[in-house]
Amino acid sequence: MPAARELLLDAAFVALAARPWSGVRMVDVAAAAGVSRQTLYNEFGGKDGLGRALVRREADVFLAGVERTLADAAARGIGDPGDHCAAVALWTLRTARTNPLVRAVLTGCRSERLPATVPAAVPAQRARPETPVLRGAPSPTAMADRITDRVAGAVVTPVDTSADPGAVRGACAAAVRLTLSYVLAPGDSDEAVAVDVARLARALLADG
């Protein structure tokens, strides 16, 4: 059985799909998770903490999906850097479309329906020792860097150790940034965007 923390995050995610974050009540989240409201406060310290933890979990789940996508590509024998970038582009576009929290983390564009992605302020110390300190989600820049690190690592390490890591990372970074621009302004189709992303990565590496 999932721990209380995961049950609460799942319940909060479901509640957010039905109403704006401002309308999500902690008593309802606790009841849906089958735990006491005190357990919720013990885990997250309050509604702001729950919101930050929810956003961070979705960011972590998204990055885990990037890693799975790259692992699947490797298992299928895909070694072309452009194909790696295209596969991650498809995962990114499809996830951002269906998960508004992921979209907010990737772009920094948060609607009023969503919880804050980062704390409003970081206190010097906790008011009570038992109150958890909860970090916000990574910034869009940090997310782009983490995606780039994963793609570049998948390209260089198992595929071609003779490739210049700096050139590979630069090409992957450009491909990731292009993908994120399409999260903000969608193209005609995800598949067409993936083709453009692959083409850019290959062209940059060929020029390098």
C-alpha atoms as a PDB file:
ATOM      1  CA  MET A   1       0.000   0.000   0.000  1.00  0.00           C
ATOM      2  CA  PRO A   2       1.394   3.459  -0.842  1.00  0.00           C
ATOM      3  CA  ALA A   3       2.636   5.556   2.043  1.00  0.00           C
ATOM      4  CA  ALA A   4       0.462   8.374   3.360  1.00  0.00           C
ATOM      5  CA  ARG A   5       2.610  10.946   1.582  1.00  0.00           C
ATOM      6  CA  GLU A   6       1.998   9.437  -1.863  1.00  0.00           C
ATOM      7  CA  LEU A   7      -1.697   8.939  -1.138  1.00  0.00           C
ATOM      8  CA  LEU A   8      -1.997  12.610  -0.216  1.00  0.00           C
ATOM      9  CA  LEU A   9      -0.142  13.748  -3.330  1.00  0.00           C
ATOM     10  CA  ASP A  10      -2.341  11.531  -5.491  1.00  0.00           C
ATOM     11  CA  ALA A  11      -5.462  12.935  -3.856  1.00  0.00           C
ATOM     12  CA  ALA A  12      -4.235  16.504  -4.329  1.00  0.00           C
ATOM     13  CA  PHE A  13      -3.505  15.835  -8.010  1.00  0.00           C
ATOM     14  CA  VAL A  14      -7.022  14.482  -8.560  1.00  0.00           C
ATOM     15  CA  ALA A  15      -8.547  17.426  -6.679  1.00  0.00           C
ATOM     16  CA  LEU A  16      -6.564  19.903  -8.777  1.00  0.00           C
ATOM     17  CA  ALA A  17      -7.935  18.366 -11.970  1.00  0.00           C
ATOM     18  CA  ALA A  18     -11.449  19.179 -10.773  1.00  0.00           C
ATOM     19  CA  ARG A  19     -10.986  22.685  -9.406  1.00  0.00           C
ATOM     20  CA  PRO A  20      -8.430  25.520  -9.051  1.00  0.00           C
ATOM     21  CA  TRP A  21      -5.813  25.137  -6.343  1.00  0.00           C
ATOM     22  CA  SER A  22      -7.484  27.935  -4.390  1.00  0.00           C
ATOM     23  CA  GLY A  23     -10.597  25.753  -4.178  1.00  0.00           C
ATOM     24  CA  VAL A  24      -8.790  22.621  -3.019  1.00  0.00           C
ATOM     25  CA  ARG A  25      -9.475  22.039   0.678  1.00  0.00           C
ATOM     26  CA  MET A  26      -7.054  20.195   2.892  1.00  0.00           C
ATOM     27  CA  VAL A  27      -9.835  18.382   4.713  1.00  0.00           C
ATOM     28  CA  ASP A  28     -11.064  16.986   1.382  1.00  0.00           C
ATOM     29  CA  VAL A  29      -7.565  15.925   0.305  1.00  0.00           C
ATOM     30  CA  ALA A  30      -7.011  14.133   3.611  1.00  0.00           C
ATOM     31  CA  ALA A  31     -10.377  12.397   3.390  1.00  0.00           C
ATOM     32  CA  ALA A  32      -9.760  11.283  -0.189  1.00  0.00           C
ATOM     33  CA  ALA A  33      -6.364   9.884   0.847  1.00  0.00           C
ATOM     34  CA  GLY A  34      -7.931   8.069   3.797  1.00  0.00           C
ATOM     35  CA  VAL A  35      -5.745   9.788   6.400  1.00  0.00           C
ATOM     36  CA  SER A  36      -6.307  12.419   9.044  1.00  0.00           C
ATOM     37  CA  ARG A  37      -5.861  16.096   8.384  1.00  0.00           C
ATOM     38  CA  GLN A  38      -3.167  16.101  11.062  1.00  0.00           C
ATOM     39  CA  THR A  39      -1.214  13.552   9.031  1.00  0.00           C
ATOM     40  CA  LEU A  40      -1.374  15.912   6.056  1.00  0.00           C
ATOM     41  CA  TYR A  41       0.001  18.775   8.124  1.00  0.00           C
ATOM     42  CA  ASN A  42       2.673  16.537   9.617  1.00  0.00           C
ATOM     43  CA  GLU A  43       3.832  15.565   6.142  1.00  0.00           C
ATOM     44  CA  PHE A  44       3.688  18.942   4.393  1.00  0.00           C
ATOM     45  CA  GLY A  45       3.252  21.657   7.006  1.00  0.00           C
ATOM     46  CA  GLY A  46       0.225  23.128   5.236  1.00  0.00           C
ATOM     47  CA  LYS A  47      -1.359  23.787   1.876  1.00  0.00           C
ATOM     48  CA  ASP A  48       1.641  25.665   0.443  1.00  0.00           C
ATOM     49  CA  GLY A  49       3.918  22.785   1.346  1.00  0.00           C
ATOM     50  CA  LEU A  50       1.538  20.278  -0.208  1.00  0.00           C
ATOM     51  CA  GLY A  51       1.388  22.332  -3.396  1.00  0.00           C
ATOM     52  CA  ARG A  52       5.169  22.614  -3.689  1.00  0.00           C
ATOM     53  CA  ALA A  53       5.609  18.898  -3.045  1.00  0.00           C
ATOM     54  CA  LEU A  54       3.009  18.094  -5.694  1.00  0.00           C
ATOM     55  CA  VAL A  55       4.719  20.257  -8.308  1.00  0.00           C
ATOM     56  CA  ARG A  56       8.121  18.826  -7.451  1.00  0.00           C
ATOM     57  CA  ARG A  57       6.838  15.265  -7.687  1.00  0.00           C
ATOM     58  CA  GLU A  58       5.441  15.900 -11.148  1.00  0.00           C
ATOM     59  CA  ALA A  59       8.768  17.407 -12.222  1.00  0.00           C
ATOM     60  CA  ASP A  60      10.607  14.345 -10.903  1.00  0.00           C
ATOM     61  CA  VAL A  61       8.164  11.980 -12.624  1.00  0.00           C
ATOM     62  CA  PHE A  62       8.677  13.869 -15.880  1.00  0.00           C
ATOM     63  CA  LEU A  63      12.477  13.570 -15.631  1.00  0.00           C
ATOM     64  CA  ALA A  64      12.150   9.873 -14.849  1.00  0.00           C
ATOM     65  CA  GLY A  65      10.120   9.629 -18.053  1.00  0.00           C
ATOM     66  CA  VAL A  66      12.963  11.275 -19.977  1.00  0.00           C
ATOM     67  CA  GLU A  67      15.308   8.599 -18.648  1.00  0.00           C
ATOM     68  CA  ARG A  68      12.891   5.808 -19.576  1.00  0.00           C
ATOM     69  CA  THR A  69      12.506   7.250 -23.055  1.00  0.00           C
ATOM     70  CA  LEU A  70      16.270   7.258 -23.552  1.00  0.00           C
ATOM     71  CA  ALA A  71      16.618   3.759 -22.100  1.00  0.00           C
ATOM     72  CA  ASP A  72      13.933   2.493 -24.472  1.00  0.00           C
ATOM     73  CA  ALA A  73      15.754   4.096 -27.393  1.00  0.00           C
ATOM     74  CA  ALA A  74      19.004   2.407 -26.348  1.00  0.00           C
ATOM     75  CA  ALA A  75      17.240  -0.937 -25.998  1.00  0.00           C
ATOM     76  CA  ARG A  76      15.965  -0.580 -29.566  1.00  0.00           C
ATOM     77  CA  GLY A  77      19.481   0.088 -30.775  1.00  0.00           C
ATOM     78  CA  ILE A  78      18.895   3.753 -31.558  1.00  0.00           C
ATOM     79  CA  GLY A  79      22.246   5.511 -31.542  1.00  0.00           C
ATOM     80  CA  ASP A  80      21.688   8.600 -33.627  1.00  0.00           C
ATOM     81  CA  PRO A  81      21.763  11.795 -31.506  1.00  0.00           C
ATOM     82  CA  GLY A  82      18.943  13.265 -33.536  1.00  0.00           C
ATOM     83  CA  ASP A  83      16.739  10.274 -32.805  1.00  0.00           C
ATOM     84  CA  HIS A  84      17.454  10.576 -29.083  1.00  0.00           C
ATOM     85  CA  CYS A  85      16.515  14.249 -29.135  1.00  0.00           C
ATOM     86  CA  ALA A  86      13.386  13.516 -31.165  1.00  0.00           C
ATOM     87  CA  ALA A  87      12.240  10.806 -28.747  1.00  0.00           C
ATOM     88  CA  VAL A  88      12.639  13.124 -25.774  1.00  0.00           C
ATOM     89  CA  ALA A  89      10.875  15.896 -27.701  1.00  0.00           C
ATOM     90  CA  LEU A  90       7.846  13.674 -28.209  1.00  0.00           C
ATOM     91  CA  TRP A  91       7.763  12.704 -24.527  1.00  0.00           C
ATOM     92  CA  THR A  92       8.111  16.342 -23.470  1.00  0.00           C
ATOM     93  CA  LEU A  93       5.409  17.717 -25.762  1.00  0.00           C
ATOM     94  CA  ARG A  94       2.888  15.009 -24.948  1.00  0.00           C
ATOM     95  CA  THR A  95       3.472  15.209 -21.202  1.00  0.00           C
ATOM     96  CA  ALA A  96       3.327  19.003 -21.083  1.00  0.00           C
ATOM     97  CA  ARG A  97       0.043  18.965 -22.987  1.00  0.00           C
ATOM     98  CA  THR A  98      -1.657  16.585 -20.561  1.00  0.00           C
ATOM     99  CA  ASN A  99      -0.028  17.704 -17.312  1.00  0.00           C
ATOM    100  CA  PRO A 100      -0.341  21.435 -16.561  1.00  0.00           C
ATOM    101  CA  LEU A 101       2.064  21.163 -13.628  1.00  0.00           C
ATOM    102  CA  VAL A 102       4.813  19.849 -15.890  1.00  0.00           C
ATOM    103  CA  ARG A 103       4.068  22.579 -18.407  1.00  0.00           C
ATOM    104  CA  ALA A 104       4.363  25.211 -15.660  1.00  0.00           C
ATOM    105  CA  VAL A 105       7.697  23.826 -14.477  1.00  0.00           C
ATOM    106  CA  LEU A 106       9.122  23.638 -17.996  1.00  0.00           C
ATOM    107  CA  THR A 107       8.017  27.113 -19.073  1.00  0.00           C
ATOM    108  CA  GLY A 108       7.641  29.144 -15.888  1.00  0.00           C
ATOM    109  CA  CYS A 109       4.131  30.057 -17.041  1.00  0.00           C
ATOM    110  CA  ARG A 110       1.755  29.238 -14.186  1.00  0.00           C
ATOM    111  CA  SER A 111      -1.968  29.882 -14.321  1.00  0.00           C
ATOM    112  CA  GLU A 112      -3.872  30.905 -11.219  1.00  0.00           C
ATOM    113  CA  ARG A 113      -5.420  27.434 -11.160  1.00  0.00           C
ATOM    114  CA  LEU A 114      -2.118  25.892 -10.110  1.00  0.00           C
ATOM    115  CA  PRO A 115      -0.091  25.897  -6.901  1.00  0.00           C
ATOM    116  CA  ALA A 116       3.132  27.887  -6.802  1.00  0.00           C
ATOM    117  CA  THR A 117       6.108  26.090  -8.286  1.00  0.00           C
ATOM    118  CA  VAL A 118       8.567  27.601  -5.796  1.00  0.00           C
ATOM    119  CA  PRO A 119       8.310  28.912  -2.229  1.00  0.00           C
ATOM    120  CA  ALA A 120       7.477  32.593  -1.900  1.00  0.00           C
ATOM    121  CA  ALA A 121      10.324  32.884   0.597  1.00  0.00           C
ATOM    122  CA  VAL A 122      12.713  30.525   2.336  1.00  0.00           C
ATOM    123  CA  PRO A 123      12.592  31.073   6.095  1.00  0.00           C
ATOM    124  CA  ALA A 124      15.831  31.246   8.040  1.00  0.00           C
ATOM    125  CA  GLN A 125      14.557  28.454  10.243  1.00  0.00           C
ATOM    126  CA  ARG A 126      11.423  26.452  10.739  1.00  0.00           C
ATOM    127  CA  ALA A 127       8.828  27.768  13.117  1.00  0.00           C
ATOM    128  CA  ARG A 128       8.555  24.315  14.705  1.00  0.00           C
ATOM    129  CA  PRO A 129      11.178  21.556  14.545  1.00  0.00           C
ATOM    130  CA  GLU A 130       8.589  19.045  13.309  1.00  0.00           C
ATOM    131  CA  THR A 131       7.505  21.204  10.355  1.00  0.00           C
ATOM    132  CA  PRO A 132       9.041  19.813   7.141  1.00  0.00           C
ATOM    133  CA  VAL A 133      11.142  22.016   4.900  1.00  0.00           C
ATOM    134  CA  LEU A 134       9.883  21.486   1.344  1.00  0.00           C
ATOM    135  CA  ARG A 135      11.736  22.711  -1.705  1.00  0.00           C
ATOM    136  CA  GLY A 136      10.001  24.051  -4.738  1.00  0.00           C
ATOM    137  CA  ALA A 137      10.375  22.603  -8.205  1.00  0.00           C
ATOM    138  CA  PRO A 138      13.475  23.320 -10.316  1.00  0.00           C
ATOM    139  CA  SER A 139      13.401  26.478 -12.407  1.00  0.00           C
ATOM    140  CA  PRO A 140      12.757  26.209 -16.171  1.00  0.00           C
ATOM    141  CA  THR A 141      16.481  26.794 -16.748  1.00  0.00           C
ATOM    142  CA  ALA A 142      17.386  24.017 -14.330  1.00  0.00           C
ATOM    143  CA  MET A 143      14.870  21.691 -15.966  1.00  0.00           C
ATOM    144  CA  ALA A 144      16.299  22.408 -19.433  1.00  0.00           C
ATOM    145  CA  ASP A 145      19.785  21.688 -18.097  1.00  0.00           C
ATOM    146  CA  ARG A 146      18.698  18.418 -16.501  1.00  0.00           C
ATOM    147  CA  ILE A 147      16.992  17.234 -19.674  1.00  0.00           C
ATOM    148  CA  THR A 148      20.073  18.199 -21.676  1.00  0.00           C
ATOM    149  CA  ASP A 149      22.384  16.339 -19.280  1.00  0.00           C
ATOM    150  CA  ARG A 150      20.346  13.175 -19.649  1.00  0.00           C
ATOM    151  CA  VAL A 151      20.126  13.318 -23.428  1.00  0.00           C
ATOM    152  CA  ALA A 152      23.806  14.188 -23.888  1.00  0.00           C
ATOM    153  CA  GLY A 153      24.828  11.433 -21.499  1.00  0.00           C
ATOM    154  CA  ALA A 154      22.772   8.874 -23.383  1.00  0.00           C
ATOM    155  CA  VAL A 155      24.296   9.964 -26.681  1.00  0.00           C
ATOM    156  CA  VAL A 156      27.956  10.157 -25.692  1.00  0.00           C
ATOM    157  CA  THR A 157      28.463   7.347 -23.209  1.00  0.00           C
ATOM    158  CA  PRO A 158      27.024   4.238 -24.835  1.00  0.00           C
ATOM    159  CA  VAL A 159      27.057   5.320 -28.453  1.00  0.00           C
ATOM    160  CA  ASP A 160      30.212   7.115 -29.476  1.00  0.00           C
ATOM    161  CA  THR A 161      32.952   7.731 -26.957  1.00  0.00           C
ATOM    162  CA  SER A 162      34.983   9.531 -29.619  1.00  0.00           C
ATOM    163  CA  ALA A 163      32.400  12.293 -29.926  1.00  0.00           C
ATOM    164  CA  ASP A 164      33.319  15.624 -28.397  1.00  0.00           C
ATOM    165  CA  PRO A 165      31.163  15.850 -25.256  1.00  0.00           C
ATOM    166  CA  GLY A 166      31.025  19.627 -25.504  1.00  0.00           C
ATOM    167  CA  ALA A 167      29.719  19.535 -29.061  1.00  0.00           C
ATOM    168  CA  VAL A 168      27.205  16.837 -28.219  1.00  0.00           C
ATOM    169  CA  ARG A 169      25.933  18.730 -25.198  1.00  0.00           C
ATOM    170  CA  GLY A 170      25.658  21.921 -27.209  1.00  0.00           C
ATOM    171  CA  ALA A 171      23.620  20.207 -29.901  1.00  0.00           C
ATOM    172  CA  CYS A 172      21.390  18.525 -27.319  1.00  0.00           C
ATOM    173  CA  ALA A 173      20.911  21.801 -25.458  1.00  0.00           C
ATOM    174  CA  ALA A 174      19.765  23.522 -28.642  1.00  0.00           C
ATOM    175  CA  ALA A 175      17.403  20.648 -29.396  1.00  0.00           C
ATOM    176  CA  VAL A 176      15.945  20.792 -25.885  1.00  0.00           C
ATOM    177  CA  ARG A 177      15.456  24.555 -26.096  1.00  0.00           C
ATOM    178  CA  LEU A 178      13.733  24.174 -29.444  1.00  0.00           C
ATOM    179  CA  THR A 179      11.449  21.550 -27.932  1.00  0.00           C
ATOM    180  CA  LEU A 180      10.553  23.836 -25.027  1.00  0.00           C
ATOM    181  CA  SER A 181       9.723  26.644 -27.439  1.00  0.00           C
ATOM    182  CA  TYR A 182       7.133  24.333 -28.963  1.00  0.00           C
ATOM    183  CA  VAL A 183       5.707  23.649 -25.502  1.00  0.00           C
ATOM    184  CA  LEU A 184       4.919  27.366 -25.369  1.00  0.00           C
ATOM    185  CA  ALA A 185       3.812  27.651 -29.001  1.00  0.00           C
ATOM    186  CA  PRO A 186       2.722  24.232 -30.318  1.00  0.00           C
ATOM    187  CA  GLY A 187       3.539  23.201 -33.865  1.00  0.00           C
ATOM    188  CA  ASP A 188       1.300  21.487 -36.393  1.00  0.00           C
ATOM    189  CA  SER A 189       2.019  18.072 -34.874  1.00  0.00           C
ATOM    190  CA  ASP A 190       4.321  16.550 -32.281  1.00  0.00           C
ATOM    191  CA  GLU A 191       5.810  14.275 -34.911  1.00  0.00           C
ATOM    192  CA  ALA A 192       6.677  17.220 -37.168  1.00  0.00           C
ATOM    193  CA  VAL A 193       8.320  18.999 -34.240  1.00  0.00           C
ATOM    194  CA  ALA A 194      10.340  15.873 -33.443  1.00  0.00           C
ATOM    195  CA  VAL A 195      11.604  15.799 -37.030  1.00  0.00           C
ATOM    196  CA  ASP A 196      12.699  19.445 -36.734  1.00  0.00           C
ATOM    197  CA  VAL A 197      14.412  18.753 -33.420  1.00  0.00           C
ATOM    198  CA  ALA A 198      16.289  15.758 -34.847  1.00  0.00           C
ATOM    199  CA  ARG A 199      17.322  17.759 -37.905  1.00  0.00           C
ATOM    200  CA  LEU A 200      18.694  20.580 -35.745  1.00  0.00           C
ATOM    201  CA  ALA A 201      20.741  18.220 -33.548  1.00  0.00           C
ATOM    202  CA  ARG A 202      22.234  16.444 -36.554  1.00  0.00           C
ATOM    203  CA  ALA A 203      23.056  19.703 -38.346  1.00  0.00           C
ATOM    204  CA  LEU A 204      24.822  21.139 -35.314  1.00  0.00           C
ATOM    205  CA  LEU A 205      26.902  18.003 -34.828  1.00  0.00           C
ATOM    206  CA  ALA A 206      27.765  17.876 -38.510  1.00  0.00           C
ATOM    207  CA  ASP A 207      28.924  21.503 -38.382  1.00  0.00           C
ATOM    208  CA  GLY A 208      30.919  20.781 -35.245  1.00  0.00           C
END
